[in-house]
């Protein structure tokens, strides 16, 4: 597959509850276990899609990879170097230039008190030394790259539609020509017609700039359009990992089957009565079930599923599944 740009090694992220049960020393007795041992490699030039239900740990993983949040356990390697071991502020600043994020809600990720010029000038003011003219030319070039014009430079974010705001947020992340982008649900807040425009734009830019990308979404149609490989996450664990078209033709994990059966028009041949994922069972990230994380909702669970935690195993070329029975 090439050379990994980002390697995720046994990443766990737990959040102590700020209220609730404490022991006699005032220590929290409960934690939210958002990530529970993630191992992944993202290769140079590829787009890895990350799918799963809301609350399964997708956005948390994106923030931890970029070191916006520190992991409870495990390591993130970028170009072979552990991010957590970087101590010097100057070194971290150089790394920030290479790794950027596009957030889910463009309205909340852009400061309404700043003009487009101020928003796009900020990364350059932090990382580069440009003359006023060079900065103006660079900003205009960035705007034109995403279909906006030089006349927009003095406007505020509130003057734009949601689709235009997301274009501004996208080009801000791309302004320093990063090597790696985390795109966290970048089109979920947009109308379908606008989604298509932004997705085509992302795909074109990714191809032209040879970007490596982690694309987070719950929309299987969107992920298929953009991704080279797809990782399926449930309760902070990767349960399936596969090249995109292979996954859409042959998904093995019962949770993946449940996700695909909910996308009604992906495969009209699906027998929907086969996939009866138990949605009414209360599954908590505070009390992760022992054994397989999916066993409480799995229609095919057996006794050993509550005792043994399956690891990812290769079931076909580059296709990995964490299930005892697949």
C-alpha atoms as a PDB file:
ATOM      1  CA  UNK A   1       0.000   0.000   0.000  1.00  0.00           C
ATOM      2  CA  UNK A   2       2.963   2.311   0.242  1.00  0.00           C
ATOM      3  CA  UNK A   3       4.437   4.246   3.134  1.00  0.00           C
ATOM      4  CA  UNK A   4       2.280   5.127   6.182  1.00  0.00           C
ATOM      5  CA  UNK A   5       2.104   8.864   6.791  1.00  0.00           C
ATOM      6  CA  UNK A   6       0.101   8.442  10.013  1.00  0.00           C
ATOM      7  CA  UNK A   7       0.252   5.421  12.310  1.00  0.00           C
ATOM      8  CA  UNK A   8      -2.183   4.954  15.190  1.00  0.00           C
ATOM      9  CA  UNK A   9      -0.894   2.489  17.776  1.00  0.00           C
ATOM     10  CA  UNK A  10      -3.169   1.138  20.537  1.00  0.00           C
ATOM     11  CA  UNK A  11      -4.863   4.508  21.076  1.00  0.00           C
ATOM     12  CA  UNK A  12      -7.201   4.821  24.039  1.00  0.00           C
ATOM     13  CA  UNK A  13      -9.019   7.952  25.141  1.00  0.00           C
ATOM     14  CA  UNK A  14     -10.962   7.970  28.417  1.00  0.00           C
ATOM     15  CA  UNK A  15     -12.755  10.954  29.962  1.00  0.00           C
ATOM     16  CA  UNK A  16     -13.257  10.986  33.762  1.00  0.00           C
ATOM     17  CA  UNK A  17     -16.772  12.083  34.681  1.00  0.00           C
ATOM     18  CA  UNK A  18     -16.848  15.441  36.456  1.00  0.00           C
ATOM     19  CA  UNK A  19     -19.876  14.421  38.463  1.00  0.00           C
ATOM     20  CA  UNK A  20     -21.278  11.180  39.778  1.00  0.00           C
ATOM     21  CA  UNK A  21     -19.699   8.480  41.891  1.00  0.00           C
ATOM     22  CA  UNK A  22     -16.404   9.251  43.675  1.00  0.00           C
ATOM     23  CA  UNK A  23     -14.458   7.274  46.231  1.00  0.00           C
ATOM     24  CA  UNK A  24     -13.522   8.531  49.719  1.00  0.00           C
ATOM     25  CA  UNK A  25     -10.440  10.241  48.265  1.00  0.00           C
ATOM     26  CA  UNK A  26     -12.556  12.250  45.806  1.00  0.00           C
ATOM     27  CA  UNK A  27     -11.445  10.256  42.770  1.00  0.00           C
ATOM     28  CA  UNK A  28     -13.885   9.598  39.935  1.00  0.00           C
ATOM     29  CA  UNK A  29     -15.106   6.030  39.807  1.00  0.00           C
ATOM     30  CA  UNK A  30     -16.507   6.289  36.287  1.00  0.00           C
ATOM     31  CA  UNK A  31     -14.981   7.224  32.950  1.00  0.00           C
ATOM     32  CA  UNK A  32     -16.335   7.539  29.429  1.00  0.00           C
ATOM     33  CA  UNK A  33     -14.251   5.192  27.277  1.00  0.00           C
ATOM     34  CA  UNK A  34     -14.379   6.919  23.913  1.00  0.00           C
ATOM     35  CA  UNK A  35     -11.518   4.985  22.264  1.00  0.00           C
ATOM     36  CA  UNK A  36     -10.458   1.512  23.335  1.00  0.00           C
ATOM     37  CA  UNK A  37      -7.346   0.336  21.518  1.00  0.00           C
ATOM     38  CA  UNK A  38      -7.345   1.707  17.967  1.00  0.00           C
ATOM     39  CA  UNK A  39      -4.667   0.489  15.546  1.00  0.00           C
ATOM     40  CA  UNK A  40      -4.609   1.998  12.047  1.00  0.00           C
ATOM     41  CA  UNK A  41      -2.216   3.163   9.354  1.00  0.00           C
ATOM     42  CA  UNK A  42      -3.081   5.934   6.893  1.00  0.00           C
ATOM     43  CA  UNK A  43      -0.906   5.809   3.791  1.00  0.00           C
ATOM     44  CA  UNK A  44       0.523   8.704   1.813  1.00  0.00           C
ATOM     45  CA  UNK A  45      -1.902   9.974  -0.807  1.00  0.00           C
ATOM     46  CA  UNK A  46      -4.911   7.918   0.310  1.00  0.00           C
ATOM     47  CA  UNK A  47      -8.260   8.903   1.750  1.00  0.00           C
ATOM     48  CA  UNK A  48      -9.309   6.664   4.630  1.00  0.00           C
ATOM     49  CA  UNK A  49     -13.017   6.848   5.423  1.00  0.00           C
ATOM     50  CA  UNK A  50     -14.158   6.380   9.035  1.00  0.00           C
ATOM     51  CA  UNK A  51     -17.811   5.423   9.527  1.00  0.00           C
ATOM     52  CA  UNK A  52     -20.031   4.554  12.462  1.00  0.00           C
ATOM     53  CA  UNK A  53     -23.013   5.737  14.471  1.00  0.00           C
ATOM     54  CA  UNK A  54     -23.026   8.981  16.428  1.00  0.00           C
ATOM     55  CA  UNK A  55     -21.066   8.651  19.663  1.00  0.00           C
ATOM     56  CA  UNK A  56     -18.871   5.759  18.503  1.00  0.00           C
ATOM     57  CA  UNK A  57     -15.610   7.754  18.732  1.00  0.00           C
ATOM     58  CA  UNK A  58     -15.089   9.053  15.180  1.00  0.00           C
ATOM     59  CA  UNK A  59     -14.535  12.737  16.011  1.00  0.00           C
ATOM     60  CA  UNK A  60     -12.533  11.888  19.130  1.00  0.00           C
ATOM     61  CA  UNK A  61     -10.115   9.845  17.039  1.00  0.00           C
ATOM     62  CA  UNK A  62      -9.694  12.748  14.600  1.00  0.00           C
ATOM     63  CA  UNK A  63      -8.869  15.181  17.414  1.00  0.00           C
ATOM     64  CA  UNK A  64      -6.476  12.745  19.079  1.00  0.00           C
ATOM     65  CA  UNK A  65      -4.597  12.125  15.811  1.00  0.00           C
ATOM     66  CA  UNK A  66      -4.009  15.873  15.447  1.00  0.00           C
ATOM     67  CA  UNK A  67      -3.015  16.081  19.115  1.00  0.00           C
ATOM     68  CA  UNK A  68      -5.829  18.514  19.831  1.00  0.00           C
ATOM     69  CA  UNK A  69      -6.509  16.068  22.653  1.00  0.00           C
ATOM     70  CA  UNK A  70      -3.876  13.876  24.271  1.00  0.00           C
ATOM     71  CA  UNK A  71      -4.553  10.128  24.288  1.00  0.00           C
ATOM     72  CA  UNK A  72      -4.939   8.303  27.578  1.00  0.00           C
ATOM     73  CA  UNK A  73      -2.741   5.551  26.203  1.00  0.00           C
ATOM     74  CA  UNK A  74      -0.940   4.701  22.969  1.00  0.00           C
ATOM     75  CA  UNK A  75       1.010   6.618  20.318  1.00  0.00           C
ATOM     76  CA  UNK A  76       0.386   8.607  17.145  1.00  0.00           C
ATOM     77  CA  UNK A  77       3.250   8.559  14.639  1.00  0.00           C
ATOM     78  CA  UNK A  78       3.515  11.155  11.871  1.00  0.00           C
ATOM     79  CA  UNK A  79       6.207  10.432   9.297  1.00  0.00           C
ATOM     80  CA  UNK A  80       7.539   7.847  11.749  1.00  0.00           C
ATOM     81  CA  UNK A  81       7.881  10.271  14.677  1.00  0.00           C
ATOM     82  CA  UNK A  82       5.767  10.034  17.829  1.00  0.00           C
ATOM     83  CA  UNK A  83       3.770  13.255  18.233  1.00  0.00           C
ATOM     84  CA  UNK A  84       3.481  12.772  21.992  1.00  0.00           C
ATOM     85  CA  UNK A  85       7.261  12.896  22.361  1.00  0.00           C
ATOM     86  CA  UNK A  86       7.549  16.341  20.792  1.00  0.00           C
ATOM     87  CA  UNK A  87       8.436  18.741  23.613  1.00  0.00           C
ATOM     88  CA  UNK A  88       9.701  21.850  21.858  1.00  0.00           C
ATOM     89  CA  UNK A  89       7.057  24.374  20.899  1.00  0.00           C
ATOM     90  CA  UNK A  90       8.929  25.180  17.675  1.00  0.00           C
ATOM     91  CA  UNK A  91       8.789  21.532  16.578  1.00  0.00           C
ATOM     92  CA  UNK A  92       5.085  21.278  17.318  1.00  0.00           C
ATOM     93  CA  UNK A  93       4.519  24.489  15.364  1.00  0.00           C
ATOM     94  CA  UNK A  94       6.203  22.937  12.317  1.00  0.00           C
ATOM     95  CA  UNK A  95       4.017  19.851  12.694  1.00  0.00           C
ATOM     96  CA  UNK A  96       0.833  21.947  12.909  1.00  0.00           C
ATOM     97  CA  UNK A  97       1.654  23.317   9.462  1.00  0.00           C
ATOM     98  CA  UNK A  98       1.596  19.784   8.053  1.00  0.00           C
ATOM     99  CA  UNK A  99      -1.638  18.616   9.747  1.00  0.00           C
ATOM    100  CA  UNK A 100      -4.931  20.479   9.519  1.00  0.00           C
ATOM    101  CA  UNK A 101      -8.617  19.905  10.247  1.00  0.00           C
ATOM    102  CA  UNK A 102     -11.911  20.780   8.579  1.00  0.00           C
ATOM    103  CA  UNK A 103     -14.648  20.892  11.205  1.00  0.00           C
ATOM    104  CA  UNK A 104     -18.224  19.729  10.886  1.00  0.00           C
ATOM    105  CA  UNK A 105     -20.065  23.020  11.337  1.00  0.00           C
ATOM    106  CA  UNK A 106     -18.671  25.836   9.159  1.00  0.00           C
ATOM    107  CA  UNK A 107     -20.725  28.465  11.005  1.00  0.00           C
ATOM    108  CA  UNK A 108     -19.137  27.686  14.374  1.00  0.00           C
ATOM    109  CA  UNK A 109     -15.612  27.143  13.030  1.00  0.00           C
ATOM    110  CA  UNK A 110     -15.403  30.657  11.529  1.00  0.00           C
ATOM    111  CA  UNK A 111     -15.208  33.747  13.749  1.00  0.00           C
ATOM    112  CA  UNK A 112     -18.146  36.021  12.777  1.00  0.00           C
ATOM    113  CA  UNK A 113     -16.182  39.085  13.914  1.00  0.00           C
ATOM    114  CA  UNK A 114     -13.441  38.471  11.354  1.00  0.00           C
ATOM    115  CA  UNK A 115     -13.471  39.233   7.642  1.00  0.00           C
ATOM    116  CA  UNK A 116     -12.536  36.563   5.126  1.00  0.00           C
ATOM    117  CA  UNK A 117      -9.193  38.306   4.724  1.00  0.00           C
ATOM    118  CA  UNK A 118      -8.509  38.097   8.462  1.00  0.00           C
ATOM    119  CA  UNK A 119      -9.599  34.446   8.626  1.00  0.00           C
ATOM    120  CA  UNK A 120      -7.335  33.392   5.760  1.00  0.00           C
ATOM    121  CA  UNK A 121      -4.455  35.662   6.759  1.00  0.00           C
ATOM    122  CA  UNK A 122      -4.201  34.184  10.270  1.00  0.00           C
ATOM    123  CA  UNK A 123      -2.375  30.936   9.297  1.00  0.00           C
ATOM    124  CA  UNK A 124       0.199  32.904   7.306  1.00  0.00           C
ATOM    125  CA  UNK A 125       0.739  35.378  10.144  1.00  0.00           C
ATOM    126  CA  UNK A 126       1.521  32.468  12.463  1.00  0.00           C
ATOM    127  CA  UNK A 127       3.637  30.325  10.148  1.00  0.00           C
ATOM    128  CA  UNK A 128       4.966  32.472   7.290  1.00  0.00           C
ATOM    129  CA  UNK A 129       6.464  35.857   6.557  1.00  0.00           C
ATOM    130  CA  UNK A 130       4.771  37.448   3.555  1.00  0.00           C
ATOM    131  CA  UNK A 131       4.619  41.021   2.358  1.00  0.00           C
ATOM    132  CA  UNK A 132       1.219  42.674   2.354  1.00  0.00           C
ATOM    133  CA  UNK A 133       0.969  42.290  -1.420  1.00  0.00           C
ATOM    134  CA  UNK A 134       2.071  38.636  -1.332  1.00  0.00           C
ATOM    135  CA  UNK A 135      -0.524  37.934   1.362  1.00  0.00           C
ATOM    136  CA  UNK A 136      -3.326  39.632  -0.590  1.00  0.00           C
ATOM    137  CA  UNK A 137      -2.414  37.710  -3.758  1.00  0.00           C
ATOM    138  CA  UNK A 138      -2.273  34.425  -1.861  1.00  0.00           C
ATOM    139  CA  UNK A 139      -5.677  34.960  -0.258  1.00  0.00           C
ATOM    140  CA  UNK A 140      -7.289  35.867  -3.588  1.00  0.00           C
ATOM    141  CA  UNK A 141      -5.731  32.764  -5.165  1.00  0.00           C
ATOM    142  CA  UNK A 142      -7.141  30.583  -2.378  1.00  0.00           C
ATOM    143  CA  UNK A 143     -10.620  32.043  -2.767  1.00  0.00           C
ATOM    144  CA  UNK A 144     -10.583  31.491  -6.511  1.00  0.00           C
ATOM    145  CA  UNK A 145      -9.474  27.889  -5.962  1.00  0.00           C
ATOM    146  CA  UNK A 146     -12.808  27.173  -4.241  1.00  0.00           C
ATOM    147  CA  UNK A 147     -15.012  29.212  -6.556  1.00  0.00           C
ATOM    148  CA  UNK A 148     -15.115  32.478  -4.594  1.00  0.00           C
ATOM    149  CA  UNK A 149     -13.798  35.822  -5.812  1.00  0.00           C
ATOM    150  CA  UNK A 150     -11.563  38.708  -4.778  1.00  0.00           C
ATOM    151  CA  UNK A 151     -14.664  40.783  -4.041  1.00  0.00           C
ATOM    152  CA  UNK A 152     -15.434  38.455  -1.098  1.00  0.00           C
ATOM    153  CA  UNK A 153     -12.257  39.321   0.756  1.00  0.00           C
ATOM    154  CA  UNK A 154     -13.776  42.140   2.862  1.00  0.00           C
ATOM    155  CA  UNK A 155     -16.973  40.288   3.761  1.00  0.00           C
ATOM    156  CA  UNK A 156     -17.733  38.634   7.095  1.00  0.00           C
ATOM    157  CA  UNK A 157     -18.611  34.954   7.419  1.00  0.00           C
ATOM    158  CA  UNK A 158     -22.232  35.846   8.160  1.00  0.00           C
ATOM    159  CA  UNK A 159     -22.539  37.228   4.635  1.00  0.00           C
ATOM    160  CA  UNK A 160     -22.134  33.770   3.110  1.00  0.00           C
ATOM    161  CA  UNK A 161     -24.318  30.683   2.695  1.00  0.00           C
ATOM    162  CA  UNK A 162     -23.411  27.495   4.590  1.00  0.00           C
ATOM    163  CA  UNK A 163     -21.868  26.018   1.461  1.00  0.00           C
ATOM    164  CA  UNK A 164     -19.701  29.103   0.935  1.00  0.00           C
ATOM    165  CA  UNK A 165     -18.694  29.054   4.611  1.00  0.00           C
ATOM    166  CA  UNK A 166     -17.521  25.474   4.244  1.00  0.00           C
ATOM    167  CA  UNK A 167     -15.478  26.474   1.182  1.00  0.00           C
ATOM    168  CA  UNK A 168     -13.787  29.129   3.299  1.00  0.00           C
ATOM    169  CA  UNK A 169     -13.172  26.643   6.126  1.00  0.00           C
ATOM    170  CA  UNK A 170     -11.758  24.137   3.646  1.00  0.00           C
ATOM    171  CA  UNK A 171      -9.419  26.610   1.973  1.00  0.00           C
ATOM    172  CA  UNK A 172      -8.242  27.861   5.378  1.00  0.00           C
ATOM    173  CA  UNK A 173      -7.161  24.303   6.222  1.00  0.00           C
ATOM    174  CA  UNK A 174      -5.411  24.029   2.849  1.00  0.00           C
ATOM    175  CA  UNK A 175      -3.761  27.455   2.923  1.00  0.00           C
ATOM    176  CA  UNK A 176      -0.420  26.212   4.292  1.00  0.00           C
ATOM    177  CA  UNK A 177      -0.344  23.254   1.883  1.00  0.00           C
ATOM    178  CA  UNK A 178      -0.528  20.545   4.574  1.00  0.00           C
ATOM    179  CA  UNK A 179       0.293  16.908   3.960  1.00  0.00           C
ATOM    180  CA  UNK A 180      -2.570  15.530   6.050  1.00  0.00           C
ATOM    181  CA  UNK A 181      -6.185  16.635   6.569  1.00  0.00           C
ATOM    182  CA  UNK A 182      -8.805  15.382   9.014  1.00  0.00           C
ATOM    183  CA  UNK A 183     -12.225  16.198   7.557  1.00  0.00           C
ATOM    184  CA  UNK A 184     -14.821  15.720  10.310  1.00  0.00           C
ATOM    185  CA  UNK A 185     -18.305  15.424   8.789  1.00  0.00           C
ATOM    186  CA  UNK A 186     -17.577  18.422   6.518  1.00  0.00           C
ATOM    187  CA  UNK A 187     -20.825  18.167   4.529  1.00  0.00           C
ATOM    188  CA  UNK A 188     -23.337  16.787   7.039  1.00  0.00           C
ATOM    189  CA  UNK A 189     -24.775  20.244   7.830  1.00  0.00           C
ATOM    190  CA  UNK A 190     -25.310  21.105   4.147  1.00  0.00           C
ATOM    191  CA  UNK A 191     -28.174  20.571   1.715  1.00  0.00           C
ATOM    192  CA  UNK A 192     -27.754  17.644  -0.673  1.00  0.00           C
ATOM    193  CA  UNK A 193     -27.089  19.817  -3.735  1.00  0.00           C
ATOM    194  CA  UNK A 194     -24.455  21.801  -1.838  1.00  0.00           C
ATOM    195  CA  UNK A 195     -22.950  18.579  -0.478  1.00  0.00           C
ATOM    196  CA  UNK A 196     -22.264  17.421  -4.035  1.00  0.00           C
ATOM    197  CA  UNK A 197     -20.443  20.668  -4.855  1.00  0.00           C
ATOM    198  CA  UNK A 198     -18.245  20.470  -1.751  1.00  0.00           C
ATOM    199  CA  UNK A 199     -17.493  16.775  -2.238  1.00  0.00           C
ATOM    200  CA  UNK A 200     -16.431  17.305  -5.851  1.00  0.00           C
ATOM    201  CA  UNK A 201     -14.289  20.209  -4.687  1.00  0.00           C
ATOM    202  CA  UNK A 202     -12.635  18.105  -1.951  1.00  0.00           C
ATOM    203  CA  UNK A 203     -11.952  15.266  -4.378  1.00  0.00           C
ATOM    204  CA  UNK A 204     -10.415  17.595  -6.962  1.00  0.00           C
ATOM    205  CA  UNK A 205      -8.204  19.341  -4.415  1.00  0.00           C
ATOM    206  CA  UNK A 206      -7.147  16.031  -2.848  1.00  0.00           C
ATOM    207  CA  UNK A 207      -6.064  14.770  -6.249  1.00  0.00           C
ATOM    208  CA  UNK A 208      -4.280  17.976  -7.290  1.00  0.00           C
ATOM    209  CA  UNK A 209      -2.452  18.454  -3.974  1.00  0.00           C
ATOM    210  CA  UNK A 210      -1.776  14.720  -3.364  1.00  0.00           C
ATOM    211  CA  UNK A 211      -3.306  15.069   0.090  1.00  0.00           C
ATOM    212  CA  UNK A 212      -3.577  12.302   2.642  1.00  0.00           C
ATOM    213  CA  UNK A 213      -6.967  12.459   4.356  1.00  0.00           C
ATOM    214  CA  UNK A 214      -9.010  10.944   7.152  1.00  0.00           C
ATOM    215  CA  UNK A 215     -12.613  11.516   6.103  1.00  0.00           C
ATOM    216  CA  UNK A 216     -15.094  11.080   8.962  1.00  0.00           C
ATOM    217  CA  UNK A 217     -18.773  10.563   8.176  1.00  0.00           C
ATOM    218  CA  UNK A 218     -21.863   8.547   9.012  1.00  0.00           C
ATOM    219  CA  UNK A 219     -23.054   8.772   5.379  1.00  0.00           C
ATOM    220  CA  UNK A 220     -22.074   5.647   3.448  1.00  0.00           C
ATOM    221  CA  UNK A 221     -22.747   7.279   0.058  1.00  0.00           C
ATOM    222  CA  UNK A 222     -20.364  10.148   0.788  1.00  0.00           C
ATOM    223  CA  UNK A 223     -17.629   7.871   2.134  1.00  0.00           C
ATOM    224  CA  UNK A 224     -17.813   5.617  -0.916  1.00  0.00           C
ATOM    225  CA  UNK A 225     -17.390   8.590  -3.248  1.00  0.00           C
ATOM    226  CA  UNK A 226     -14.221   9.867  -1.561  1.00  0.00           C
ATOM    227  CA  UNK A 227     -12.439   6.984   0.135  1.00  0.00           C
ATOM    228  CA  UNK A 228      -9.820   4.476  -0.959  1.00  0.00           C
ATOM    229  CA  UNK A 229     -10.303   2.389   2.187  1.00  0.00           C
ATOM    230  CA  UNK A 230     -12.947   2.400   4.924  1.00  0.00           C
ATOM    231  CA  UNK A 231     -12.685   1.667   8.641  1.00  0.00           C
ATOM    232  CA  UNK A 232     -15.883   0.843  10.556  1.00  0.00           C
ATOM    233  CA  UNK A 233     -15.798   1.890  14.221  1.00  0.00           C
ATOM    234  CA  UNK A 234     -18.106   0.855  17.058  1.00  0.00           C
ATOM    235  CA  UNK A 235     -17.779   1.857  20.734  1.00  0.00           C
ATOM    236  CA  UNK A 236     -14.204   2.993  20.230  1.00  0.00           C
ATOM    237  CA  UNK A 237     -13.034  -0.163  18.419  1.00  0.00           C
ATOM    238  CA  UNK A 238     -12.351  -0.790  14.722  1.00  0.00           C
ATOM    239  CA  UNK A 239     -14.537  -3.757  13.762  1.00  0.00           C
ATOM    240  CA  UNK A 240     -13.886  -3.833  10.000  1.00  0.00           C
ATOM    241  CA  UNK A 241     -11.269  -2.373   7.647  1.00  0.00           C
ATOM    242  CA  UNK A 242     -11.275  -2.833   3.897  1.00  0.00           C
ATOM    243  CA  UNK A 243     -10.695  -1.282   0.468  1.00  0.00           C
ATOM    244  CA  UNK A 244     -13.841   0.676  -0.384  1.00  0.00           C
ATOM    245  CA  UNK A 245     -15.359  -1.369  -3.209  1.00  0.00           C
ATOM    246  CA  UNK A 246     -14.486  -4.640  -1.493  1.00  0.00           C
ATOM    247  CA  UNK A 247     -16.367  -3.525   1.621  1.00  0.00           C
ATOM    248  CA  UNK A 248     -19.441  -2.471  -0.352  1.00  0.00           C
ATOM    249  CA  UNK A 249     -19.526  -5.837  -2.112  1.00  0.00           C
ATOM    250  CA  UNK A 250     -18.563  -8.047   0.857  1.00  0.00           C
ATOM    251  CA  UNK A 251     -19.093  -6.677   4.353  1.00  0.00           C
ATOM    252  CA  UNK A 252     -18.591  -9.294   7.031  1.00  0.00           C
ATOM    253  CA  UNK A 253     -19.080  -7.827  10.492  1.00  0.00           C
ATOM    254  CA  UNK A 254     -22.686  -7.886  11.798  1.00  0.00           C
ATOM    255  CA  UNK A 255     -22.400  -4.192  12.697  1.00  0.00           C
ATOM    256  CA  UNK A 256     -21.309  -3.358   9.148  1.00  0.00           C
ATOM    257  CA  UNK A 257     -24.287  -5.338   7.883  1.00  0.00           C
ATOM    258  CA  UNK A 258     -26.546  -3.241  10.101  1.00  0.00           C
ATOM    259  CA  UNK A 259     -25.060   0.001   8.773  1.00  0.00           C
ATOM    260  CA  UNK A 260     -25.404  -1.058   5.160  1.00  0.00           C
ATOM    261  CA  UNK A 261     -28.946  -2.321   5.634  1.00  0.00           C
ATOM    262  CA  UNK A 262     -29.913   1.160   6.843  1.00  0.00           C
ATOM    263  CA  UNK A 263     -28.717   2.680   3.545  1.00  0.00           C
ATOM    264  CA  UNK A 264     -31.766   1.485   1.650  1.00  0.00           C
ATOM    265  CA  UNK A 265     -30.735   2.196  -1.910  1.00  0.00           C
ATOM    266  CA  UNK A 266     -27.132   0.975  -1.777  1.00  0.00           C
ATOM    267  CA  UNK A 267     -28.041  -2.578  -2.666  1.00  0.00           C
ATOM    268  CA  UNK A 268     -31.626  -3.408  -3.696  1.00  0.00           C
ATOM    269  CA  UNK A 269     -30.837  -7.136  -3.458  1.00  0.00           C
ATOM    270  CA  UNK A 270     -30.339  -6.992   0.331  1.00  0.00           C
ATOM    271  CA  UNK A 271     -32.731  -9.092   2.407  1.00  0.00           C
ATOM    272  CA  UNK A 272     -33.424  -6.506   5.107  1.00  0.00           C
ATOM    273  CA  UNK A 273     -35.139  -8.975   7.426  1.00  0.00           C
ATOM    274  CA  UNK A 274     -31.783 -10.702   7.866  1.00  0.00           C
ATOM    275  CA  UNK A 275     -30.205  -7.778   9.721  1.00  0.00           C
ATOM    276  CA  UNK A 276     -32.023  -7.139  12.948  1.00  0.00           C
ATOM    277  CA  UNK A 277     -29.521  -5.148  14.975  1.00  0.00           C
ATOM    278  CA  UNK A 278     -30.898  -4.678  18.472  1.00  0.00           C
ATOM    279  CA  UNK A 279     -31.214  -0.908  18.734  1.00  0.00           C
ATOM    280  CA  UNK A 280     -33.134  -0.914  22.018  1.00  0.00           C
ATOM    281  CA  UNK A 281     -30.359  -2.418  24.161  1.00  0.00           C
ATOM    282  CA  UNK A 282     -28.749   0.319  26.302  1.00  0.00           C
ATOM    283  CA  UNK A 283     -25.045   0.298  25.443  1.00  0.00           C
ATOM    284  CA  UNK A 284     -22.931   2.737  27.467  1.00  0.00           C
ATOM    285  CA  UNK A 285     -19.427   4.039  26.848  1.00  0.00           C
ATOM    286  CA  UNK A 286     -19.070   4.071  30.628  1.00  0.00           C
ATOM    287  CA  UNK A 287     -19.816   0.356  30.920  1.00  0.00           C
ATOM    288  CA  UNK A 288     -18.259  -1.214  27.831  1.00  0.00           C
ATOM    289  CA  UNK A 289     -19.412  -4.842  27.595  1.00  0.00           C
ATOM    290  CA  UNK A 290     -16.822  -7.552  28.161  1.00  0.00           C
ATOM    291  CA  UNK A 291     -15.771  -9.630  25.191  1.00  0.00           C
ATOM    292  CA  UNK A 292     -16.964  -8.356  21.826  1.00  0.00           C
ATOM    293  CA  UNK A 293     -18.112  -4.722  22.082  1.00  0.00           C
ATOM    294  CA  UNK A 294     -21.045  -5.458  19.748  1.00  0.00           C
ATOM    295  CA  UNK A 295     -22.319  -8.626  21.410  1.00  0.00           C
ATOM    296  CA  UNK A 296     -25.244  -6.977  23.244  1.00  0.00           C
ATOM    297  CA  UNK A 297     -26.749  -5.797  19.937  1.00  0.00           C
ATOM    298  CA  UNK A 298     -25.610  -8.600  17.657  1.00  0.00           C
ATOM    299  CA  UNK A 299     -28.352 -10.932  16.324  1.00  0.00           C
ATOM    300  CA  UNK A 300     -25.738 -13.669  15.840  1.00  0.00           C
ATOM    301  CA  UNK A 301     -24.023 -13.453  19.257  1.00  0.00           C
ATOM    302  CA  UNK A 302     -23.074 -16.695  21.004  1.00  0.00           C
ATOM    303  CA  UNK A 303     -21.947 -17.414  24.555  1.00  0.00           C
ATOM    304  CA  UNK A 304     -18.247 -17.012  23.852  1.00  0.00           C
ATOM    305  CA  UNK A 305     -18.830 -13.504  22.425  1.00  0.00           C
ATOM    306  CA  UNK A 306     -19.224 -12.170  25.966  1.00  0.00           C
ATOM    307  CA  UNK A 307     -15.944 -13.758  27.066  1.00  0.00           C
ATOM    308  CA  UNK A 308     -13.515 -13.216  24.189  1.00  0.00           C
ATOM    309  CA  UNK A 309     -12.596  -9.891  22.574  1.00  0.00           C
ATOM    310  CA  UNK A 310     -11.922 -10.464  18.844  1.00  0.00           C
ATOM    311  CA  UNK A 311      -8.988  -8.765  17.143  1.00  0.00           C
ATOM    312  CA  UNK A 312      -8.873  -7.711  13.500  1.00  0.00           C
ATOM    313  CA  UNK A 313      -8.021 -10.679  11.266  1.00  0.00           C
ATOM    314  CA  UNK A 314      -7.585 -10.761   7.501  1.00  0.00           C
ATOM    315  CA  UNK A 315     -10.468 -12.570   5.786  1.00  0.00           C
ATOM    316  CA  UNK A 316      -9.452 -11.629   2.228  1.00  0.00           C
ATOM    317  CA  UNK A 317      -6.717  -9.474   0.697  1.00  0.00           C
ATOM    318  CA  UNK A 318      -6.424  -6.250   2.782  1.00  0.00           C
ATOM    319  CA  UNK A 319      -9.879  -6.909   4.299  1.00  0.00           C
ATOM    320  CA  UNK A 320      -9.870  -7.215   8.103  1.00  0.00           C
ATOM    321  CA  UNK A 321     -12.741  -8.092  10.459  1.00  0.00           C
ATOM    322  CA  UNK A 322     -12.985  -8.286  14.256  1.00  0.00           C
ATOM    323  CA  UNK A 323     -15.508 -11.072  14.731  1.00  0.00           C
ATOM    324  CA  UNK A 324     -15.146 -14.543  16.293  1.00  0.00           C
ATOM    325  CA  UNK A 325     -17.410 -16.140  13.711  1.00  0.00           C
ATOM    326  CA  UNK A 326     -16.365 -14.539  10.409  1.00  0.00           C
END
